Amino acid sequence: MSDAVIISCDTALRQKIPGADVRWVETREQFEAALGEGFAFALVDVCSCQEDVAQVIRDCRERANAHRIVAFLSECAGDDAIRAHIAGADRIISVDQLEEELATSHD
């Protein structure tokens, strides 16, 4: 079981957080593999997620048994944040708060 996963297709974001001790998930195949292994903490990129964000969040909770799910967004519609919240994300944060969220996930 992985400790944390980031579900994002944003390669620029990945370069901004190179030292993060997380598993990056960019494709549906990687997501399915991560779901099979399970993970405790998921960070879901609402803006670059190519799947239905609500379904991704539900899958994290139900199939991977994630204890905590945080959706983050950079420049996308507020409707996406609302959908993430309704789907069960524990928190919605801006991408600027991502590093801080990762740091506190290991406390």
N, C-alpha and C. Protein backbone atom coordinates (compact mmCIF):
# COMPACT_ATOMS: atom_id res chain seq x y z
N MET A 1 0.84 -1.17 0.00
CA MET A 1 0.00 0.00 0.00
C MET A 1 0.89 1.24 0.00
N SER A 2 0.60 2.16 -0.90
CA SER A 2 1.31 3.43 -0.95
C SER A 2 0.79 4.35 0.15
N ASP A 3 1.64 5.24 0.59
CA ASP A 3 1.22 6.21 1.58
C ASP A 3 0.37 7.29 0.92
N ALA A 4 0.86 7.85 -0.19
CA ALA A 4 0.15 8.95 -0.84
C ALA A 4 0.31 8.88 -2.35
N VAL A 5 -0.72 9.32 -3.05
CA VAL A 5 -0.67 9.43 -4.50
C VAL A 5 -1.14 10.81 -4.92
N ILE A 6 -0.57 11.30 -6.00
CA ILE A 6 -1.04 12.53 -6.64
C ILE A 6 -1.58 12.11 -7.99
N ILE A 7 -2.83 12.42 -8.23
CA ILE A 7 -3.47 12.09 -9.50
C ILE A 7 -3.51 13.36 -10.32
N SER A 8 -2.58 13.46 -11.28
CA SER A 8 -2.43 14.69 -12.06
C SER A 8 -1.68 14.41 -13.36
N CYS A 9 -2.07 15.10 -14.40
CA CYS A 9 -1.37 15.02 -15.69
C CYS A 9 -0.52 16.26 -15.93
N ASP A 10 -0.35 17.08 -14.93
CA ASP A 10 0.37 18.34 -15.05
C ASP A 10 1.87 18.10 -14.82
N THR A 11 2.63 17.98 -15.91
CA THR A 11 4.06 17.71 -15.79
C THR A 11 4.81 18.88 -15.18
N ALA A 12 4.35 20.10 -15.41
CA ALA A 12 4.99 21.27 -14.80
C ALA A 12 4.86 21.21 -13.28
N LEU A 13 3.74 20.76 -12.80
CA LEU A 13 3.53 20.62 -11.36
C LEU A 13 4.48 19.57 -10.79
N ARG A 14 4.64 18.49 -11.50
CA ARG A 14 5.53 17.42 -11.04
C ARG A 14 6.95 17.94 -10.90
N GLN A 15 7.37 18.81 -11.80
CA GLN A 15 8.72 19.38 -11.73
C GLN A 15 8.87 20.36 -10.57
N LYS A 16 7.76 20.98 -10.16
CA LYS A 16 7.81 21.93 -9.04
C LYS A 16 7.96 21.21 -7.70
N ILE A 17 7.55 19.95 -7.64
CA ILE A 17 7.58 19.20 -6.39
C ILE A 17 8.41 17.93 -6.60
N PRO A 18 9.69 18.06 -6.95
CA PRO A 18 10.48 16.89 -7.30
C PRO A 18 10.82 15.99 -6.12
N GLY A 19 10.93 16.54 -4.94
CA GLY A 19 11.35 15.74 -3.80
C GLY A 19 10.22 15.09 -3.02
N ALA A 20 9.00 15.27 -3.47
CA ALA A 20 7.86 14.73 -2.74
C ALA A 20 7.89 13.21 -2.73
N ASP A 21 7.64 12.64 -1.57
CA ASP A 21 7.63 11.19 -1.41
C ASP A 21 6.21 10.67 -1.67
N VAL A 22 5.82 10.71 -2.94
CA VAL A 22 4.49 10.28 -3.35
C VAL A 22 4.57 9.51 -4.65
N ARG A 23 3.52 8.81 -4.95
CA ARG A 23 3.41 8.13 -6.24
C ARG A 23 2.59 9.02 -7.16
N TRP A 24 3.14 9.34 -8.32
CA TRP A 24 2.43 10.16 -9.31
C TRP A 24 1.62 9.25 -10.23
N VAL A 25 0.39 9.58 -10.43
CA VAL A 25 -0.51 8.81 -11.29
C VAL A 25 -0.97 9.73 -12.41
N GLU A 26 -0.64 9.35 -13.65
CA GLU A 26 -0.97 10.21 -14.80
C GLU A 26 -1.93 9.56 -15.79
N THR A 27 -2.00 8.24 -15.80
CA THR A 27 -2.84 7.56 -16.79
C THR A 27 -3.89 6.70 -16.09
N ARG A 28 -4.89 6.31 -16.84
CA ARG A 28 -5.94 5.44 -16.29
C ARG A 28 -5.33 4.11 -15.82
N GLU A 29 -4.36 3.59 -16.56
CA GLU A 29 -3.73 2.33 -16.19
C GLU A 29 -2.98 2.46 -14.86
N GLN A 30 -2.27 3.56 -14.68
CA GLN A 30 -1.57 3.80 -13.42
C GLN A 30 -2.57 3.96 -12.27
N PHE A 31 -3.69 4.61 -12.55
CA PHE A 31 -4.72 4.80 -11.54
C PHE A 31 -5.30 3.45 -11.11
N GLU A 32 -5.60 2.60 -12.08
CA GLU A 32 -6.14 1.28 -11.77
C GLU A 32 -5.14 0.47 -10.93
N ALA A 33 -3.85 0.55 -11.28
CA ALA A 33 -2.83 -0.16 -10.51
C ALA A 33 -2.75 0.37 -9.08
N ALA A 34 -2.80 1.68 -8.93
CA ALA A 34 -2.75 2.29 -7.59
C ALA A 34 -3.98 1.89 -6.78
N LEU A 35 -5.15 1.86 -7.42
CA LEU A 35 -6.37 1.44 -6.73
C LEU A 35 -6.24 0.01 -6.22
N GLY A 36 -5.62 -0.84 -7.04
CA GLY A 36 -5.44 -2.24 -6.65
C GLY A 36 -4.53 -2.41 -5.45
N GLU A 37 -3.51 -1.55 -5.35
CA GLU A 37 -2.57 -1.62 -4.24
C GLU A 37 -3.10 -0.93 -3.00
N GLY A 38 -3.93 0.08 -3.20
CA GLY A 38 -4.46 0.87 -2.09
C GLY A 38 -3.51 1.99 -1.71
N PHE A 39 -4.05 3.01 -1.11
CA PHE A 39 -3.26 4.13 -0.61
C PHE A 39 -4.06 4.86 0.46
N ALA A 40 -3.35 5.51 1.36
CA ALA A 40 -3.99 6.16 2.49
C ALA A 40 -4.41 7.59 2.20
N PHE A 41 -3.70 8.26 1.30
CA PHE A 41 -3.90 9.69 1.09
C PHE A 41 -3.85 9.98 -0.40
N ALA A 42 -4.86 10.67 -0.91
CA ALA A 42 -4.91 11.01 -2.33
C ALA A 42 -5.02 12.51 -2.51
N LEU A 43 -4.24 13.02 -3.44
CA LEU A 43 -4.34 14.42 -3.87
C LEU A 43 -4.79 14.38 -5.32
N VAL A 44 -5.96 14.94 -5.59
CA VAL A 44 -6.56 14.85 -6.92
C VAL A 44 -6.53 16.23 -7.57
N ASP A 45 -5.89 16.31 -8.73
CA ASP A 45 -5.82 17.55 -9.50
C ASP A 45 -7.12 17.72 -10.26
N VAL A 46 -7.96 18.59 -9.77
CA VAL A 46 -9.29 18.80 -10.36
C VAL A 46 -9.17 19.34 -11.78
N CYS A 47 -8.17 20.17 -12.04
CA CYS A 47 -8.06 20.85 -13.33
C CYS A 47 -7.47 20.00 -14.44
N SER A 48 -6.52 19.13 -14.12
CA SER A 48 -5.89 18.36 -15.19
C SER A 48 -6.35 16.91 -15.25
N CYS A 49 -7.21 16.53 -14.36
CA CYS A 49 -7.71 15.15 -14.35
C CYS A 49 -8.51 14.91 -15.62
N GLN A 50 -8.14 13.90 -16.37
CA GLN A 50 -8.82 13.62 -17.63
C GLN A 50 -10.03 12.72 -17.46
N GLU A 51 -10.24 12.24 -16.28
CA GLU A 51 -11.39 11.41 -15.96
C GLU A 51 -12.44 12.28 -15.26
N ASP A 52 -13.59 11.70 -15.01
CA ASP A 52 -14.62 12.37 -14.23
C ASP A 52 -14.10 12.51 -12.80
N VAL A 53 -13.89 13.74 -12.35
CA VAL A 53 -13.29 13.99 -11.04
C VAL A 53 -14.10 13.35 -9.92
N ALA A 54 -15.41 13.46 -9.99
CA ALA A 54 -16.26 12.87 -8.95
C ALA A 54 -16.05 11.36 -8.87
N GLN A 55 -15.95 10.70 -10.01
CA GLN A 55 -15.74 9.24 -10.01
C GLN A 55 -14.35 8.89 -9.49
N VAL A 56 -13.35 9.68 -9.84
CA VAL A 56 -11.99 9.45 -9.34
C VAL A 56 -11.98 9.52 -7.82
N ILE A 57 -12.64 10.52 -7.26
CA ILE A 57 -12.67 10.68 -5.81
C ILE A 57 -13.42 9.51 -5.16
N ARG A 58 -14.54 9.13 -5.73
CA ARG A 58 -15.28 7.99 -5.18
C ARG A 58 -14.45 6.71 -5.24
N ASP A 59 -13.74 6.50 -6.36
CA ASP A 59 -12.87 5.32 -6.48
C ASP A 59 -11.76 5.33 -5.44
N CYS A 60 -11.18 6.49 -5.19
CA CYS A 60 -10.13 6.60 -4.17
C CYS A 60 -10.66 6.16 -2.80
N ARG A 61 -11.83 6.62 -2.48
CA ARG A 61 -12.42 6.32 -1.18
C ARG A 61 -12.86 4.85 -1.10
N GLU A 62 -13.58 4.39 -2.10
CA GLU A 62 -14.21 3.07 -2.04
C GLU A 62 -13.28 1.93 -2.43
N ARG A 63 -12.48 2.12 -3.48
CA ARG A 63 -11.66 1.02 -3.98
C ARG A 63 -10.27 0.98 -3.38
N ALA A 64 -9.71 2.14 -3.05
CA ALA A 64 -8.35 2.18 -2.49
C ALA A 64 -8.36 2.35 -0.98
N ASN A 65 -9.54 2.57 -0.41
CA ASN A 65 -9.68 2.80 1.03
C ASN A 65 -8.86 3.99 1.51
N ALA A 66 -8.80 5.03 0.70
CA ALA A 66 -8.07 6.24 1.11
C ALA A 66 -8.74 6.85 2.33
N HIS A 67 -7.94 7.17 3.33
CA HIS A 67 -8.46 7.78 4.55
C HIS A 67 -8.68 9.28 4.38
N ARG A 68 -7.88 9.87 3.50
CA ARG A 68 -7.98 11.32 3.29
C ARG A 68 -7.83 11.62 1.81
N ILE A 69 -8.73 12.46 1.31
CA ILE A 69 -8.69 12.87 -0.09
C ILE A 69 -8.75 14.38 -0.14
N VAL A 70 -7.76 14.97 -0.78
CA VAL A 70 -7.70 16.41 -0.95
C VAL A 70 -7.72 16.70 -2.44
N ALA A 71 -8.67 17.51 -2.86
CA ALA A 71 -8.72 17.96 -4.25
C ALA A 71 -8.01 19.30 -4.33
N PHE A 72 -7.22 19.49 -5.38
CA PHE A 72 -6.56 20.79 -5.54
C PHE A 72 -6.81 21.30 -6.94
N LEU A 73 -6.81 22.63 -7.06
CA LEU A 73 -7.08 23.23 -8.36
C LEU A 73 -6.20 24.45 -8.58
N SER A 74 -5.93 24.68 -9.86
CA SER A 74 -5.13 25.85 -10.22
C SER A 74 -6.01 26.86 -10.93
N GLU A 75 -6.31 26.61 -12.17
CA GLU A 75 -7.11 27.56 -12.93
C GLU A 75 -8.24 26.83 -13.64
N CYS A 76 -9.27 26.53 -12.91
CA CYS A 76 -10.43 25.88 -13.53
C CYS A 76 -11.69 26.40 -12.86
N ALA A 77 -12.79 25.99 -13.39
CA ALA A 77 -14.08 26.51 -12.94
C ALA A 77 -14.40 26.08 -11.51
N GLY A 78 -15.09 26.94 -10.81
CA GLY A 78 -15.53 26.63 -9.45
C GLY A 78 -16.46 25.44 -9.41
N ASP A 79 -17.16 25.18 -10.52
CA ASP A 79 -18.05 24.02 -10.58
C ASP A 79 -17.28 22.73 -10.33
N ASP A 80 -16.05 22.67 -10.80
CA ASP A 80 -15.23 21.48 -10.59
C ASP A 80 -14.93 21.28 -9.10
N ALA A 81 -14.66 22.35 -8.40
CA ALA A 81 -14.41 22.27 -6.97
C ALA A 81 -15.66 21.80 -6.23
N ILE A 82 -16.81 22.29 -6.65
CA ILE A 82 -18.07 21.88 -6.03
C ILE A 82 -18.31 20.39 -6.26
N ARG A 83 -18.08 19.92 -7.48
CA ARG A 83 -18.24 18.49 -7.77
C ARG A 83 -17.30 17.64 -6.93
N ALA A 84 -16.07 18.10 -6.75
CA ALA A 84 -15.11 17.37 -5.93
C ALA A 84 -15.58 17.29 -4.49
N HIS A 85 -16.11 18.37 -3.98
CA HIS A 85 -16.62 18.40 -2.60
C HIS A 85 -17.81 17.45 -2.45
N ILE A 86 -18.75 17.52 -3.37
CA ILE A 86 -19.94 16.67 -3.31
C ILE A 86 -19.55 15.19 -3.41
N ALA A 87 -18.52 14.90 -4.20
CA ALA A 87 -18.08 13.51 -4.39
C ALA A 87 -17.40 12.94 -3.15
N GLY A 88 -17.01 13.80 -2.22
CA GLY A 88 -16.43 13.30 -0.98
C GLY A 88 -15.03 13.73 -0.66
N ALA A 89 -14.48 14.71 -1.38
CA ALA A 89 -13.15 15.21 -1.02
C ALA A 89 -13.21 15.83 0.37
N ASP A 90 -12.22 15.53 1.18
CA ASP A 90 -12.18 16.07 2.54
C ASP A 90 -11.88 17.56 2.57
N ARG A 91 -11.05 17.98 1.62
CA ARG A 91 -10.68 19.40 1.53
C ARG A 91 -10.50 19.77 0.07
N ILE A 92 -10.68 21.06 -0.21
CA ILE A 92 -10.39 21.62 -1.53
C ILE A 92 -9.36 22.71 -1.29
N ILE A 93 -8.21 22.63 -1.96
CA ILE A 93 -7.16 23.61 -1.75
C ILE A 93 -6.68 24.14 -3.10
N SER A 94 -5.93 25.23 -3.05
CA SER A 94 -5.31 25.74 -4.28
C SER A 94 -4.00 24.99 -4.49
N VAL A 95 -3.52 25.00 -5.71
CA VAL A 95 -2.27 24.31 -6.02
C VAL A 95 -1.11 24.90 -5.22
N ASP A 96 -1.21 26.16 -4.83
CA ASP A 96 -0.16 26.80 -4.03
C ASP A 96 -0.02 26.17 -2.65
N GLN A 97 -1.05 25.52 -2.17
CA GLN A 97 -1.03 24.89 -0.85
C GLN A 97 -0.59 23.43 -0.89
N LEU A 98 -0.28 22.94 -2.08
CA LEU A 98 0.01 21.51 -2.25
C LEU A 98 1.25 21.06 -1.47
N GLU A 99 2.33 21.79 -1.56
CA GLU A 99 3.55 21.40 -0.85
C GLU A 99 3.33 21.35 0.66
N GLU A 100 2.62 22.33 1.18
CA GLU A 100 2.31 22.35 2.61
C GLU A 100 1.45 21.14 3.00
N GLU A 101 0.48 20.82 2.16
CA GLU A 101 -0.38 19.66 2.42
C GLU A 101 0.43 18.37 2.44
N LEU A 102 1.37 18.24 1.51
CA LEU A 102 2.24 17.06 1.48
C LEU A 102 3.11 16.98 2.73
N ALA A 103 3.61 18.11 3.17
CA ALA A 103 4.47 18.14 4.35
C ALA A 103 3.69 17.70 5.59
N THR A 104 2.45 18.12 5.71
CA THR A 104 1.66 17.76 6.89
C THR A 104 1.11 16.35 6.80
N SER A 105 1.12 15.75 5.63
CA SER A 105 0.58 14.39 5.50
C SER A 105 1.47 13.36 6.18
N HIS A 106 2.72 13.71 6.44
CA HIS A 106 3.64 12.76 7.08
C HIS A 106 3.81 13.02 8.56
N ASP A 107 3.04 13.95 9.10
CA ASP A 107 3.13 14.24 10.55
C ASP A 107 2.40 13.20 11.37
